[in-house]
PDB file of N, CA and C in Angstrom:
ATOM      1  N   MET A   1     142.766 137.424  83.035  1.00  0.00           N
ATOM      2  CA  MET A   1     141.877 136.674  82.170  1.00  0.00           C
ATOM      3  C   MET A   1     141.415 135.413  82.874  1.00  0.00           C
ATOM      4  N   ILE A   2     140.235 134.946  82.481  1.00  0.00           N
ATOM      5  CA  ILE A   2     139.678 133.708  83.012  1.00  0.00           C
ATOM      6  C   ILE A   2     139.036 132.920  81.885  1.00  0.00           C
ATOM      7  N   SER A   3     138.674 131.696  82.162  1.00  0.00           N
ATOM      8  CA  SER A   3     137.889 130.890  81.230  1.00  0.00           C
ATOM      9  C   SER A   3     136.535 130.625  81.856  1.00  0.00           C
ATOM     10  N   VAL A   4     135.501 130.600  81.043  1.00  0.00           N
ATOM     11  CA  VAL A   4     134.142 130.330  81.492  1.00  0.00           C
ATOM     12  C   VAL A   4     133.753 128.941  81.001  1.00  0.00           C
ATOM     13  N   VAL A   5     133.180 128.131  81.878  1.00  0.00           N
ATOM     14  CA  VAL A   5     132.745 126.788  81.488  1.00  0.00           C
ATOM     15  C   VAL A   5     131.520 126.939  80.582  1.00  0.00           C
ATOM     16  N   GLN A   6     131.647 126.484  79.354  1.00  0.00           N
ATOM     17  CA  GLN A   6     130.579 126.561  78.363  1.00  0.00           C
ATOM     18  C   GLN A   6     129.575 125.428  78.525  1.00  0.00           C
ATOM     19  N   ASN A   7     130.105 124.214  78.708  1.00  0.00           N
ATOM     20  CA  ASN A   7     129.228 123.056  78.871  1.00  0.00           C
ATOM     21  C   ASN A   7     129.983 121.955  79.598  1.00  0.00           C
ATOM     22  N   VAL A   8     129.235 120.977  80.046  1.00  0.00           N
ATOM     23  CA  VAL A   8     129.801 119.749  80.599  1.00  0.00           C
ATOM     24  C   VAL A   8     129.567 118.696  79.525  1.00  0.00           C
ATOM     25  N   ALA A   9     130.642 118.157  78.972  1.00  0.00           N
ATOM     26  CA  ALA A   9     130.544 117.224  77.853  1.00  0.00           C
ATOM     27  C   ALA A   9     130.482 115.785  78.355  1.00  0.00           C
ATOM     28  N   ILE A  10     129.567 115.015  77.790  1.00  0.00           N
ATOM     29  CA  ILE A  10     129.377 113.614  78.149  1.00  0.00           C
ATOM     30  C   ILE A  10     129.438 112.797  76.868  1.00  0.00           C
ATOM     31  N   ASP A  11     130.449 111.930  76.760  1.00  0.00           N
ATOM     32  CA  ASP A  11     130.539 111.027  75.613  1.00  0.00           C
ATOM     33  C   ASP A  11     129.477 109.945  75.761  1.00  0.00           C
ATOM     34  N   CYS A  12     128.925 109.504  74.645  1.00  0.00           N
ATOM     35  CA  CYS A  12     127.849 108.518  74.709  1.00  0.00           C
ATOM     36  C   CYS A  12     127.677 107.824  73.363  1.00  0.00           C
ATOM     37  N   ALA A  13     126.868 106.778  73.359  1.00  0.00           N
ATOM     38  CA  ALA A  13     126.585 106.024  72.142  1.00  0.00           C
ATOM     39  C   ALA A  13     125.411 106.611  71.368  1.00  0.00           C
ATOM     40  N   ASP A  14     124.442 107.207  72.072  1.00  0.00           N
ATOM     41  CA  ASP A  14     123.267 107.788  71.424  1.00  0.00           C
ATOM     42  C   ASP A  14     123.006 109.154  72.060  1.00  0.00           C
ATOM     43  N   ALA A  15     123.520 110.182  71.436  1.00  0.00           N
ATOM     44  CA  ALA A  15     123.480 111.530  72.013  1.00  0.00           C
ATOM     45  C   ALA A  15     122.054 112.001  72.271  1.00  0.00           C
ATOM     46  N   TYR A  16     121.174 111.822  71.315  1.00  0.00           N
ATOM     47  CA  TYR A  16     119.808 112.337  71.471  1.00  0.00           C
ATOM     48  C   TYR A  16     119.072 111.616  72.596  1.00  0.00           C
ATOM     49  N   GLU A  17     119.150 110.306  72.634  1.00  0.00           N
ATOM     50  CA  GLU A  17     118.430 109.554  73.676  1.00  0.00           C
ATOM     51  C   GLU A  17     118.984 109.835  75.063  1.00  0.00           C
ATOM     52  N   LEU A  18     120.302 109.950  75.205  1.00  0.00           N
ATOM     53  CA  LEU A  18     120.854 110.246  76.518  1.00  0.00           C
ATOM     54  C   LEU A  18     120.494 111.676  76.930  1.00  0.00           C
ATOM     55  N   ALA A  19     120.468 112.600  75.998  1.00  0.00           N
ATOM     56  CA  ALA A  19     120.034 113.964  76.305  1.00  0.00           C
ATOM     57  C   ALA A  19     118.568 113.976  76.736  1.00  0.00           C
ATOM     58  N   ARG A  20     117.740 113.155  76.105  1.00  0.00           N
ATOM     59  CA  ARG A  20     116.329 113.069  76.529  1.00  0.00           C
ATOM     60  C   ARG A  20     116.228 112.592  77.974  1.00  0.00           C
ATOM     61  N   PHE A  21     117.023 111.576  78.357  1.00  0.00           N
ATOM     62  CA  PHE A  21     117.030 111.098  79.739  1.00  0.00           C
ATOM     63  C   PHE A  21     117.395 112.240  80.688  1.00  0.00           C
ATOM     64  N   TRP A  22     118.505 112.934  80.403  1.00  0.00           N
ATOM     65  CA  TRP A  22     118.963 114.002  81.281  1.00  0.00           C
ATOM     66  C   TRP A  22     118.012 115.202  81.261  1.00  0.00           C
ATOM     67  N   GLY A  23     117.314 115.415  80.166  1.00  0.00           N
ATOM     68  CA  GLY A  23     116.279 116.449  80.129  1.00  0.00           C
ATOM     69  C   GLY A  23     115.163 116.122  81.115  1.00  0.00           C
ATOM     70  N   GLU A  24     114.776 114.852  81.174  1.00  0.00           N
ATOM     71  CA  GLU A  24     113.768 114.410  82.142  1.00  0.00           C
ATOM     72  C   GLU A  24     114.293 114.526  83.568  1.00  0.00           C
ATOM     73  N   VAL A  25     115.549 114.137  83.784  1.00  0.00           N
ATOM     74  CA  VAL A  25     116.143 114.223  85.126  1.00  0.00           C
ATOM     75  C   VAL A  25     116.107 115.662  85.630  1.00  0.00           C
ATOM     76  N   THR A  26     116.548 116.599  84.798  1.00  0.00           N
ATOM     77  CA  THR A  26     116.685 117.998  85.221  1.00  0.00           C
ATOM     78  C   THR A  26     115.423 118.830  85.023  1.00  0.00           C
ATOM     79  N   GLY A  27     114.471 118.307  84.252  1.00  0.00           N
ATOM     80  CA  GLY A  27     113.285 119.097  83.946  1.00  0.00           C
ATOM     81  C   GLY A  27     113.584 120.235  82.986  1.00  0.00           C
ATOM     82  N   CYS A  28     114.681 120.111  82.230  1.00  0.00           N
ATOM     83  CA  CYS A  28     115.109 121.160  81.308  1.00  0.00           C
ATOM     84  C   CYS A  28     114.996 120.670  79.863  1.00  0.00           C
ATOM     85  N   PRO A  29     114.785 121.608  78.940  1.00  0.00           N
ATOM     86  CA  PRO A  29     114.595 121.219  77.546  1.00  0.00           C
ATOM     87  C   PRO A  29     115.895 120.903  76.818  1.00  0.00           C
ATOM     88  N   LEU A  30     115.751 120.114  75.774  1.00  0.00           N
ATOM     89  CA  LEU A  30     116.843 119.926  74.827  1.00  0.00           C
ATOM     90  C   LEU A  30     116.893 121.169  73.941  1.00  0.00           C
ATOM     91  N   ASP A  31     118.034 121.403  73.343  1.00  0.00           N
ATOM     92  CA  ASP A  31     118.152 122.481  72.374  1.00  0.00           C
ATOM     93  C   ASP A  31     117.073 122.246  71.312  1.00  0.00           C
ATOM     94  N   PRO A  32     116.259 123.249  70.971  1.00  0.00           N
ATOM     95  CA  PRO A  32     115.169 123.037  70.013  1.00  0.00           C
ATOM     96  C   PRO A  32     115.633 122.593  68.625  1.00  0.00           C
ATOM     97  N   GLN A  33     116.894 122.778  68.306  1.00  0.00           N
ATOM     98  CA  GLN A  33     117.412 122.350  67.008  1.00  0.00           C
ATOM     99  C   GLN A  33     117.807 120.877  66.995  1.00  0.00           C
ATOM    100  N   ASP A  34     117.887 120.215  68.164  1.00  0.00           N
ATOM    101  CA  ASP A  34     118.333 118.825  68.234  1.00  0.00           C
ATOM    102  C   ASP A  34     117.226 117.872  67.789  1.00  0.00           C
ATOM    103  N   ARG A  35     117.649 116.811  67.091  1.00  0.00           N
ATOM    104  CA  ARG A  35     116.718 115.817  66.546  1.00  0.00           C
ATOM    105  C   ARG A  35     117.256 114.415  66.783  1.00  0.00           C
ATOM    106  N   PRO A  36     116.373 113.391  66.793  1.00  0.00           N
ATOM    107  CA  PRO A  36     116.863 112.004  66.898  1.00  0.00           C
ATOM    108  C   PRO A  36     117.891 111.733  65.803  1.00  0.00           C
ATOM    109  N   GLY A  37     118.957 111.040  66.179  1.00  0.00           N
ATOM    110  CA  GLY A  37     120.025 110.730  65.232  1.00  0.00           C
ATOM    111  C   GLY A  37     121.148 111.746  65.212  1.00  0.00           C
ATOM    112  N   ASP A  38     120.932 112.924  65.815  1.00  0.00           N
ATOM    113  CA  ASP A  38     122.010 113.917  65.876  1.00  0.00           C
ATOM    114  C   ASP A  38     123.166 113.364  66.695  1.00  0.00           C
ATOM    115  N   ARG A  39     124.379 113.631  66.267  1.00  0.00           N
ATOM    116  CA  ARG A  39     125.579 113.149  66.968  1.00  0.00           C
ATOM    117  C   ARG A  39     125.974 114.052  68.137  1.00  0.00           C
ATOM    118  N   GLU A  40     125.408 115.255  68.185  1.00  0.00           N
ATOM    119  CA  GLU A  40     125.662 116.197  69.262  1.00  0.00           C
ATOM    120  C   GLU A  40     124.334 116.810  69.681  1.00  0.00           C
ATOM    121  N   THR A  41     124.066 116.789  70.980  1.00  0.00           N
ATOM    122  CA  THR A  41     122.832 117.374  71.509  1.00  0.00           C
ATOM    123  C   THR A  41     123.138 118.093  72.815  1.00  0.00           C
ATOM    124  N   ARG A  42     122.216 118.971  73.224  1.00  0.00           N
ATOM    125  CA  ARG A  42     122.425 119.722  74.462  1.00  0.00           C
ATOM    126  C   ARG A  42     121.141 119.789  75.276  1.00  0.00           C
ATOM    127  N   VAL A  43     121.303 119.711  76.596  1.00  0.00           N
ATOM    128  CA  VAL A  43     120.228 120.035  77.526  1.00  0.00           C
ATOM    129  C   VAL A  43     120.529 121.435  78.033  1.00  0.00           C
ATOM    130  N   LEU A  44     119.553 122.321  77.905  1.00  0.00           N
ATOM    131  CA  LEU A  44     119.742 123.732  78.238  1.00  0.00           C
ATOM    132  C   LEU A  44     119.330 123.974  79.689  1.00  0.00           C
ATOM    133  N   LEU A  45     120.314 124.061  80.561  1.00  0.00           N
ATOM    134  CA  LEU A  45     120.064 124.327  81.968  1.00  0.00           C
ATOM    135  C   LEU A  45     119.757 125.807  82.155  1.00  0.00           C
ATOM    136  N   PRO A  46     118.953 126.176  83.164  1.00  0.00           N
ATOM    137  CA  PRO A  46     118.572 127.585  83.321  1.00  0.00           C
ATOM    138  C   PRO A  46     119.732 128.499  83.711  1.00  0.00           C
ATOM    139  N   GLU A  47     120.727 127.959  84.387  1.00  0.00           N
ATOM    140  CA  GLU A  47     121.892 128.747  84.789  1.00  0.00           C
ATOM    141  C   GLU A  47     123.147 127.931  84.532  1.00  0.00           C
ATOM    142  N   GLY A  48     124.235 128.605  84.274  1.00  0.00           N
ATOM    143  CA  GLY A  48     125.503 127.911  84.127  1.00  0.00           C
ATOM    144  C   GLY A  48     125.632 127.194  82.802  1.00  0.00           C
ATOM    145  N   PRO A  49     126.549 126.228  82.749  1.00  0.00           N
ATOM    146  CA  PRO A  49     126.822 125.531  81.490  1.00  0.00           C
ATOM    147  C   PRO A  49     125.680 124.604  81.095  1.00  0.00           C
ATOM    148  N   SER A  50     125.656 124.229  79.832  1.00  0.00           N
ATOM    149  CA  SER A  50     124.684 123.240  79.362  1.00  0.00           C
ATOM    150  C   SER A  50     125.290 121.848  79.515  1.00  0.00           C
ATOM    151  N   LEU A  51     124.444 120.837  79.415  1.00  0.00           N
ATOM    152  CA  LEU A  51     124.917 119.456  79.345  1.00  0.00           C
ATOM    153  C   LEU A  51     125.020 119.116  77.862  1.00  0.00           C
ATOM    154  N   TYR A  52     126.209 118.777  77.421  1.00  0.00           N
ATOM    155  CA  TYR A  52     126.496 118.548  76.003  1.00  0.00           C
ATOM    156  C   TYR A  52     126.775 117.059  75.810  1.00  0.00           C
ATOM    157  N   PHE A  53     126.042 116.415  74.919  1.00  0.00           N
ATOM    158  CA  PHE A  53     126.183 114.985  74.655  1.00  0.00           C
ATOM    159  C   PHE A  53     126.815 114.794  73.287  1.00  0.00           C
ATOM    160  N   ASN A  54     127.936 114.087  73.289  1.00  0.00           N
ATOM    161  CA  ASN A  54     128.736 113.886  72.091  1.00  0.00           C
ATOM    162  C   ASN A  54     128.796 112.397  71.791  1.00  0.00           C
ATOM    163  N   GLN A  55     128.269 112.003  70.641  1.00  0.00           N
ATOM    164  CA  GLN A  55     128.259 110.597  70.256  1.00  0.00           C
ATOM    165  C   GLN A  55     129.655 110.157  69.848  1.00  0.00           C
ATOM    166  N   VAL A  56     130.135 109.067  70.455  1.00  0.00           N
ATOM    167  CA  VAL A  56     131.469 108.526  70.161  1.00  0.00           C
ATOM    168  C   VAL A  56     131.334 107.034  69.859  1.00  0.00           C
ATOM    169  N   PRO A  57     132.284 106.462  69.126  1.00  0.00           N
ATOM    170  CA  PRO A  57     132.166 105.047  68.752  1.00  0.00           C
ATOM    171  C   PRO A  57     132.517 104.071  69.872  1.00  0.00           C
ATOM    172  N   GLU A  58     133.390 104.457  70.795  1.00  0.00           N
ATOM    173  CA  GLU A  58     133.826 103.505  71.818  1.00  0.00           C
ATOM    174  C   GLU A  58     132.871 103.507  73.012  1.00  0.00           C
ATOM    175  N   PRO A  59     132.685 102.349  73.658  1.00  0.00           N
ATOM    176  CA  PRO A  59     131.809 102.267  74.833  1.00  0.00           C
ATOM    177  C   PRO A  59     132.520 102.753  76.090  1.00  0.00           C
ATOM    178  N   LYS A  60     131.743 103.060  77.105  1.00  0.00           N
ATOM    179  CA  LYS A  60     132.302 103.411  78.415  1.00  0.00           C
ATOM    180  C   LYS A  60     132.906 102.138  79.006  1.00  0.00           C
ATOM    181  N   THR A  61     134.114 102.257  79.564  1.00  0.00           N
ATOM    182  CA  THR A  61     134.771 101.058  80.090  1.00  0.00           C
ATOM    183  C   THR A  61     135.194 101.169  81.547  1.00  0.00           C
ATOM    184  N   VAL A  62     135.327 102.365  82.096  1.00  0.00           N
ATOM    185  CA  VAL A  62     135.769 102.515  83.479  1.00  0.00           C
ATOM    186  C   VAL A  62     134.917 103.563  84.185  1.00  0.00           C
ATOM    187  N   LYS A  63     135.127 103.687  85.498  1.00  0.00           N
ATOM    188  CA  LYS A  63     134.405 104.662  86.306  1.00  0.00           C
ATOM    189  C   LYS A  63     134.701 106.079  85.814  1.00  0.00           C
ATOM    190  N   ASN A  64     133.686 106.929  85.867  1.00  0.00           N
ATOM    191  CA  ASN A  64     133.854 108.343  85.508  1.00  0.00           C
ATOM    192  C   ASN A  64     134.884 108.996  86.419  1.00  0.00           C
ATOM    193  N   ARG A  65     135.655 109.900  85.888  1.00  0.00           N
ATOM    194  CA  ARG A  65     136.544 110.727  86.696  1.00  0.00           C
ATOM    195  C   ARG A  65     135.844 112.028  87.078  1.00  0.00           C
ATOM    196  N   VAL A  66     134.855 112.439  86.333  1.00  0.00           N
ATOM    197  CA  VAL A  66     134.030 113.603  86.628  1.00  0.00           C
ATOM    198  C   VAL A  66     132.588 113.133  86.582  1.00  0.00           C
ATOM    199  N   HIS A  67     131.782 113.593  87.523  1.00  0.00           N
ATOM    200  CA  HIS A  67     130.371 113.197  87.496  1.00  0.00           C
ATOM    201  C   HIS A  67     129.503 114.329  88.016  1.00  0.00           C
ATOM    202  N   LEU A  68     128.208 114.228  87.769  1.00  0.00           N
ATOM    203  CA  LEU A  68     127.250 115.212  88.246  1.00  0.00           C
ATOM    204  C   LEU A  68     126.754 114.794  89.626  1.00  0.00           C
ATOM    205  N   CYS A  69     126.537 115.776  90.496  1.00  0.00           N
ATOM    206  CA  CYS A  69     125.920 115.560  91.804  1.00  0.00           C
ATOM    207  C   CYS A  69     124.599 116.313  91.795  1.00  0.00           C
ATOM    208  N   LEU A  70     123.509 115.602  92.019  1.00  0.00           N
ATOM    209  CA  LEU A  70     122.178 116.196  91.965  1.00  0.00           C
ATOM    210  C   LEU A  70     121.642 116.448  93.370  1.00  0.00           C
ATOM    211  N   ARG A  71     121.081 117.639  93.601  1.00  0.00           N
ATOM    212  CA  ARG A  71     120.382 117.936  94.849  1.00  0.00           C
ATOM    213  C   ARG A  71     118.910 118.076  94.476  1.00  0.00           C
ATOM    214  N   PRO A  72     118.094 117.088  94.825  1.00  0.00           N
ATOM    215  CA  PRO A  72     116.686 117.114  94.403  1.00  0.00           C
ATOM    216  C   PRO A  72     115.867 118.179  95.130  1.00  0.00           C
ATOM    217  N   THR A  73     114.760 118.566  94.516  1.00  0.00           N
ATOM    218  CA  THR A  73     113.836 119.500  95.152  1.00  0.00           C
ATOM    219  C   THR A  73     112.851 118.754  96.046  1.00  0.00           C
ATOM    220  N   THR A  74     112.760 117.452  95.887  1.00  0.00           N
ATOM    221  CA  THR A  74     111.938 116.603  96.745  1.00  0.00           C
ATOM    222  C   THR A  74     112.893 115.837  97.652  1.00  0.00           C
ATOM    223  N   SER A  75     112.421 114.847  98.361  1.00  0.00           N
ATOM    224  CA  SER A  75     113.331 114.077  99.217  1.00  0.00           C
ATOM    225  C   SER A  75     114.285 113.245  98.357  1.00  0.00           C
ATOM    226  N   ARG A  76     115.440 112.950  98.916  1.00  0.00           N
ATOM    227  CA  ARG A  76     116.425 112.123  98.202  1.00  0.00           C
ATOM    228  C   ARG A  76     115.809 110.776  97.836  1.00  0.00           C
ATOM    229  N   GLU A  77     115.071 110.171  98.760  1.00  0.00           N
ATOM    230  CA  GLU A  77     114.521 108.834  98.516  1.00  0.00           C
ATOM    231  C   GLU A  77     113.488 108.857  97.390  1.00  0.00           C
ATOM    232  N   ARG A  78     112.634 109.880  97.353  1.00  0.00           N
ATOM    233  CA  ARG A  78     111.653 109.977  96.262  1.00  0.00           C
ATOM    234  C   ARG A  78     112.347 110.219  94.927  1.00  0.00           C
ATOM    235  N   GLU A  79     113.405 111.022  94.957  1.00  0.00           N
ATOM    236  CA  GLU A  79     114.127 111.313  93.716  1.00  0.00           C
ATOM    237  C   GLU A  79     114.835 110.070  93.197  1.00  0.00           C
ATOM    238  N   ILE A  80     115.420 109.285  94.072  1.00  0.00           N
ATOM    239  CA  ILE A  80     116.054 108.031  93.639  1.00  0.00           C
ATOM    240  C   ILE A  80     115.018 107.145  92.952  1.00  0.00           C
ATOM    241  N   GLU A  81     113.854 107.027  93.549  1.00  0.00           N
ATOM    242  CA  GLU A  81     112.788 106.213  92.950  1.00  0.00           C
ATOM    243  C   GLU A  81     112.391 106.744  91.576  1.00  0.00           C
ATOM    244  N   ARG A  82     112.238 108.064  91.454  1.00  0.00           N
ATOM    245  CA  ARG A  82     111.875 108.680  90.167  1.00  0.00           C
ATOM    246  C   ARG A  82     112.936 108.413  89.110  1.00  0.00           C
ATOM    247  N   LEU A  83     114.203 108.569  89.489  1.00  0.00           N
ATOM    248  CA  LEU A  83     115.290 108.371  88.531  1.00  0.00           C
ATOM    249  C   LEU A  83     115.395 106.921  88.089  1.00  0.00           C
ATOM    250  N   LEU A  84     115.179 105.992  89.005  1.00  0.00           N
ATOM    251  CA  LEU A  84     115.177 104.573  88.631  1.00  0.00           C
ATOM    252  C   LEU A  84     114.046 104.287  87.647  1.00  0.00           C
ATOM    253  N   ASN A  85     112.892 104.913  87.848  1.00  0.00           N
ATOM    254  CA  ASN A  85     111.768 104.738  86.917  1.00  0.00           C
ATOM    255  C   ASN A  85     112.045 105.348  85.551  1.00  0.00           C
ATOM    256  N   LEU A  86     112.934 106.362  85.489  1.00  0.00           N
ATOM    257  CA  LEU A  86     113.310 106.965  84.208  1.00  0.00           C
ATOM    258  C   LEU A  86     114.323 106.120  83.435  1.00  0.00           C
ATOM    259  N   GLY A  87     114.949 105.135  84.109  1.00  0.00           N
ATOM    260  CA  GLY A  87     115.917 104.285  83.424  1.00  0.00           C
ATOM    261  C   GLY A  87     117.296 104.267  84.043  1.00  0.00           C
ATOM    262  N   ALA A  88     117.488 104.992  85.155  1.00  0.00           N
ATOM    263  CA  ALA A  88     118.778 104.936  85.856  1.00  0.00           C
ATOM    264  C   ALA A  88     118.904 103.576  86.548  1.00  0.00           C
ATOM    265  N   THR A  89     120.122 103.215  86.896  1.00  0.00           N
ATOM    266  CA  THR A  89     120.370 102.000  87.685  1.00  0.00           C
ATOM    267  C   THR A  89     121.096 102.387  88.968  1.00  0.00           C
ATOM    268  N   PHE A  90     120.852 101.586  90.009  1.00  0.00           N
ATOM    269  CA  PHE A  90     121.477 101.835  91.309  1.00  0.00           C
ATOM    270  C   PHE A  90     122.868 101.219  91.292  1.00  0.00           C
ATOM    271  N   VAL A  91     123.892 101.983  91.679  1.00  0.00           N
ATOM    272  CA  VAL A  91     125.277 101.517  91.642  1.00  0.00           C
ATOM    273  C   VAL A  91     125.809 101.245  93.044  1.00  0.00           C
ATOM    274  N   THR A  92     125.779 102.257  93.915  1.00  0.00           N
ATOM    275  CA  THR A  92     126.374 102.134  95.245  1.00  0.00           C
ATOM    276  C   THR A  92     125.595 102.973  96.243  1.00  0.00           C
ATOM    277  N   ASP A  93     125.443 102.437  97.431  1.00  0.00           N
ATOM    278  CA  ASP A  93     124.749 103.159  98.491  1.00  0.00           C
ATOM    279  C   ASP A  93     125.773 103.762  99.443  1.00  0.00           C
ATOM    280  N   ARG A  94     125.846 105.077  99.477  1.00  0.00           N
ATOM    281  CA  ARG A  94     126.751 105.793 100.375  1.00  0.00           C
ATOM    282  C   ARG A  94     125.958 106.546 101.449  1.00  0.00           C
ATOM    283  N   ARG A  95     124.677 106.155 101.617  1.00  0.00           N
ATOM    284  CA  ARG A  95     123.848 106.782 102.648  1.00  0.00           C
ATOM    285  C   ARG A  95     124.219 106.198 104.009  1.00  0.00           C
ATOM    286  N   GLU A  96     124.219 107.063 105.019  1.00  0.00           N
ATOM    287  CA  GLU A  96     124.563 106.668 106.379  1.00  0.00           C
ATOM    288  C   GLU A  96     123.293 106.546 107.224  1.00  0.00           C
ATOM    289  N   PRO A  97     123.336 105.769 108.302  1.00  0.00           N
ATOM    290  CA  PRO A  97     122.155 105.615 109.164  1.00  0.00           C
ATOM    291  C   PRO A  97     121.614 106.946 109.700  1.00  0.00           C
ATOM    292  N   ASP A  98     122.476 107.945 109.879  1.00  0.00           N
ATOM    293  CA  ASP A  98     122.005 109.237 110.389  1.00  0.00           C
ATOM    294  C   ASP A  98     121.387 110.117 109.301  1.00  0.00           C
ATOM    295  N   GLY A  99     121.280 109.623 108.059  1.00  0.00           N
ATOM    296  CA  GLY A  99     120.657 110.376 106.966  1.00  0.00           C
ATOM    297  C   GLY A  99     121.627 111.120 106.080  1.00  0.00           C
ATOM    298  N   THR A 100     122.891 111.216 106.483  1.00  0.00           N
ATOM    299  CA  THR A 100     123.881 111.886 105.639  1.00  0.00           C
ATOM    300  C   THR A 100     124.263 110.964 104.488  1.00  0.00           C
ATOM    301  N   GLY A 101     125.117 111.445 103.625  1.00  0.00           N
ATOM    302  CA  GLY A 101     125.615 110.629 102.521  1.00  0.00           C
ATOM    303  C   GLY A 101     124.819 110.817 101.240  1.00  0.00           C
ATOM    304  N   TRP A 102     125.016 109.902 100.316  1.00  0.00           N
ATOM    305  CA  TRP A 102     124.425 110.011  98.994  1.00  0.00           C
ATOM    306  C   TRP A 102     124.270 108.616  98.395  1.00  0.00           C
ATOM    307  N   ALA A 103     123.545 108.564  97.295  1.00  0.00           N
ATOM    308  CA  ALA A 103     123.410 107.336  96.524  1.00  0.00           C
ATOM    309  C   ALA A 103     124.053 107.551  95.165  1.00  0.00           C
ATOM    310  N   VAL A 104     124.733 106.528  94.664  1.00  0.00           N
ATOM    311  CA  VAL A 104     125.351 106.593  93.341  1.00  0.00           C
ATOM    312  C   VAL A 104     124.469 105.808  92.380  1.00  0.00           C
ATOM    313  N   LEU A 105     124.035 106.468  91.335  1.00  0.00           N
ATOM    314  CA  LEU A 105     123.246 105.847  90.282  1.00  0.00           C
ATOM    315  C   LEU A 105     124.018 105.970  88.974  1.00  0.00           C
ATOM    316  N   ALA A 106     123.526 105.332  87.934  1.00  0.00           N
ATOM    317  CA  ALA A 106     124.114 105.461  86.597  1.00  0.00           C
ATOM    318  C   ALA A 106     122.997 105.737  85.598  1.00  0.00           C
ATOM    319  N   ASP A 107     123.312 106.556  84.603  1.00  0.00           N
ATOM    320  CA  ASP A 107     122.335 106.836  83.550  1.00  0.00           C
ATOM    321  C   ASP A 107     122.243 105.608  82.629  1.00  0.00           C
ATOM    322  N   PRO A 108     121.358 105.622  81.631  1.00  0.00           N
ATOM    323  CA  PRO A 108     121.192 104.440  80.773  1.00  0.00           C
ATOM    324  C   PRO A 108     122.451 103.975  80.040  1.00  0.00           C
ATOM    325  N   GLU A 109     123.479 104.823  79.933  1.00  0.00           N
ATOM    326  CA  GLU A 109     124.727 104.407  79.291  1.00  0.00           C
ATOM    327  C   GLU A 109     125.830 104.110  80.297  1.00  0.00           C
ATOM    328  N   GLY A 110     125.491 104.095  81.597  1.00  0.00           N
ATOM    329  CA  GLY A 110     126.447 103.697  82.617  1.00  0.00           C
ATOM    330  C   GLY A 110     127.261 104.814  83.239  1.00  0.00           C
ATOM    331  N   ASN A 111     126.965 106.072  82.916  1.00  0.00           N
ATOM    332  CA  ASN A 111     127.676 107.201  83.516  1.00  0.00           C
ATOM    333  C   ASN A 111     127.162 107.434  84.930  1.00  0.00           C
ATOM    334  N   GLU A 112     128.064 107.342  85.917  1.00  0.00           N
ATOM    335  CA  GLU A 112     127.656 107.484  87.302  1.00  0.00           C
ATOM    336  C   GLU A 112     127.333 108.930  87.658  1.00  0.00           C
ATOM    337  N   PHE A 113     126.403 109.083  88.603  1.00  0.00           N
ATOM    338  CA  PHE A 113     126.076 110.381  89.181  1.00  0.00           C
ATOM    339  C   PHE A 113     125.572 110.161  90.597  1.00  0.00           C
ATOM    340  N   CYS A 114     125.624 111.207  91.405  1.00  0.00           N
ATOM    341  CA  CYS A 114     125.225 111.104  92.809  1.00  0.00           C
ATOM    342  C   CYS A 114     123.905 111.818  93.044  1.00  0.00           C
ATOM    343  N   VAL A 115     123.123 111.275  93.980  1.00  0.00           N
ATOM    344  CA  VAL A 115     121.914 111.938  94.443  1.00  0.00           C
ATOM    345  C   VAL A 115     122.144 112.291  95.914  1.00  0.00           C
ATOM    346  N   LEU A 116     122.210 113.584  96.169  1.00  0.00           N
ATOM    347  CA  LEU A 116     122.469 114.103  97.502  1.00  0.00           C
ATOM    348  C   LEU A 116     121.163 114.283  98.269  1.00  0.00           C
ATOM    349  N   ARG A 117     121.276 114.659  99.535  1.00  0.00           N
ATOM    350  CA  ARG A 117     120.091 115.006 100.308  1.00  0.00           C
ATOM    351  C   ARG A 117     119.518 116.314  99.790  1.00  0.00           C
ATOM    352  N   SER A 118     118.203 116.429  99.813  1.00  0.00           N
ATOM    353  CA  SER A 118     117.555 117.688  99.434  1.00  0.00           C
ATOM    354  C   SER A 118     117.708 118.687 100.576  1.00  0.00           C
ATOM    355  N   GLU A 119     117.387 119.935 100.298  1.00  0.00           N
ATOM    356  CA  GLU A 119     117.431 120.954 101.365  1.00  0.00           C
ATOM    357  C   GLU A 119     116.454 120.587 102.469  1.00  0.00           C
ATOM    358  N   SER A 120     115.260 120.068 102.114  1.00  0.00           N
ATOM    359  CA  SER A 120     114.297 119.677 103.153  1.00  0.00           C
ATOM    360  C   SER A 120     114.800 118.492 103.962  1.00  0.00           C
ATOM    361  N   ASP A 121     115.505 117.556 103.320  1.00  0.00           N
ATOM    362  CA  ASP A 121     116.119 116.447 104.060  1.00  0.00           C
ATOM    363  C   ASP A 121     117.140 116.999 105.063  1.00  0.00           C
ATOM    364  N   ARG A 122     117.940 117.926 104.611  1.00  0.00           N
ATOM    365  CA  ARG A 122     118.980 118.509 105.455  1.00  0.00           C
ATOM    366  C   ARG A 122     118.379 119.296 106.607  1.00  0.00           C
ATOM    367  N   ALA A 123     117.305 120.037 106.334  1.00  0.00           N
ATOM    368  CA  ALA A 123     116.662 120.860 107.366  1.00  0.00           C
ATOM    369  C   ALA A 123     116.018 120.003 108.461  1.00  0.00           C
ATOM    370  N   SER A 124     115.570 118.814 108.090  1.00  0.00           N
ATOM    371  CA  SER A 124     114.899 117.950 109.076  1.00  0.00           C
ATOM    372  C   SER A 124     115.855 117.182 109.966  1.00  0.00           C
ATOM    373  N   MET A 125     117.167 117.281 109.680  1.00  0.00           N
ATOM    374  CA  MET A 125     118.173 116.586 110.473  1.00  0.00           C
ATOM    375  C   MET A 125     118.503 117.372 111.725  1.00  0.00           C
ATOM    376  N   PRO A 126     118.633 116.697 112.868  1.00  0.00           N
ATOM    377  CA  PRO A 126     119.052 117.421 114.072  1.00  0.00           C
ATOM    378  C   PRO A 126     120.494 117.927 113.907  1.00  0.00           C
ATOM    379  N   SER A 127     120.764 119.068 114.497  1.00  0.00           N
ATOM    380  CA  SER A 127     122.110 119.658 114.397  1.00  0.00           C
ATOM    381  C   SER A 127     123.117 118.928 115.233  1.00  0.00           C
TER     382      SER A 127
END
């Protein structure tokens, strides 16, 4: 027997608004039944688990122990700029001079996530 991951759960203060942010990040829709004010919302990813947002009363107080790592379809630098324009904040720069590494951003509620190099970024690097 095995277990299948149903969703990745993210605690938050405003489930619908944070789901809207992540819907924009991923280009994926919210569950059509979700409405503003709902305490539970989902972003429906095309494959694998959904992103599930659960409204909780307590605020985030420490660094995430689990986080999402994003591989953009455009360049990492363009994606960082797009995400900052959507409302993310820049947390830590883990990019290296040779182009490897990643950037750590946070969503509007402070949940950290990483932006990795895109496949085109990786392909343009010398071996």
